[in-house]
Amino acid sequence: MKTHKLFESKTHTWLMFGRDDERSDVIIDTNQYMIVTKNNALLMDPGGIELFSAMLAAVIKQVPAEKITHIFASHQDPDIISSLGLWDQALPAATLHSPWIWEGFIRHFGMDNITYNPIADEGCELKLDHIAIEFIPAHYLHSSGNFNVYDGEAKILMSGDIGAALEEADAPIFVEDFDEHISKMKMFHQRWMPSNRAKNNWINRIRKLDVDMMCPQHGRIFKGDDVKRFLDWFENLDVGLTGKELA
């Protein structure tokens, strides 16, 4: 499990965990992210159950376990949150922030100790010491209840499955050639994103934010002008297609 520092200031740090060389070829590689402030840490989409031991080892190299006070699950998929039952034992005093609509499903992964904080459809704000983190609605992209995480000070958007691409474990962290990268994400977005209306609502919302780095759950990170390139490309992409239509 590799660790990459994406942002560092006097107030907080963004870390990425990912590119697991040990994963099975039939399991999708995922990116996990963490924001660390003076007294708190927010662990975002911490991964599947098969990833827990590697993630725990990587995370506690950065911060003591008791400092991880918050966990975020963008939606209910097992690749991002099926490890919850194990985190529940490791971080019993933490709070899980996730869409209200998925609470009854997410609890199936196991949750006896962690406190569940349901996020309302319109989103909300989380304070980590003096840093304000926003949970941004991204419904139907691809889950019917789905959120992104935005840090206005760092200008980073953790975009979940939006911007996802299928990559090798040794792929670069950042997109280097946007046009070449399209082939790695086009089919995923056309099949897994069901609604052009929801897509365009999200694009209009994100265009109003100052985003220097867009960090998806799978694949490479978009930085600088590639963030706008992605928004323009996604806006013109017809989504909600079936396998037959994509064939």
Foldseek 3Di string as FASTA:
>chain_A
DDKDWDDDDPFKTKIKDWLDPPDDPVDATWIWMKIDGDQAMETELQFALVCVVVSVVVVCVPPNLQRHAEYEYFAQDRGRQLNVQVNCVSHLNHEYEYAPVCPVPSCVSPHDRHHYDHAYQCWDWDDDPPFIKTWHHLAPQPHNRGTWIAGQVRQEIADEAQVAFGDHSPDDQADDDLVVRCVRCQVVQQARRADLVSLVVVLVVCVVGRHQWYHYTHDHIYGHVSVVVSSVVSNPRHHNDDPVVVD
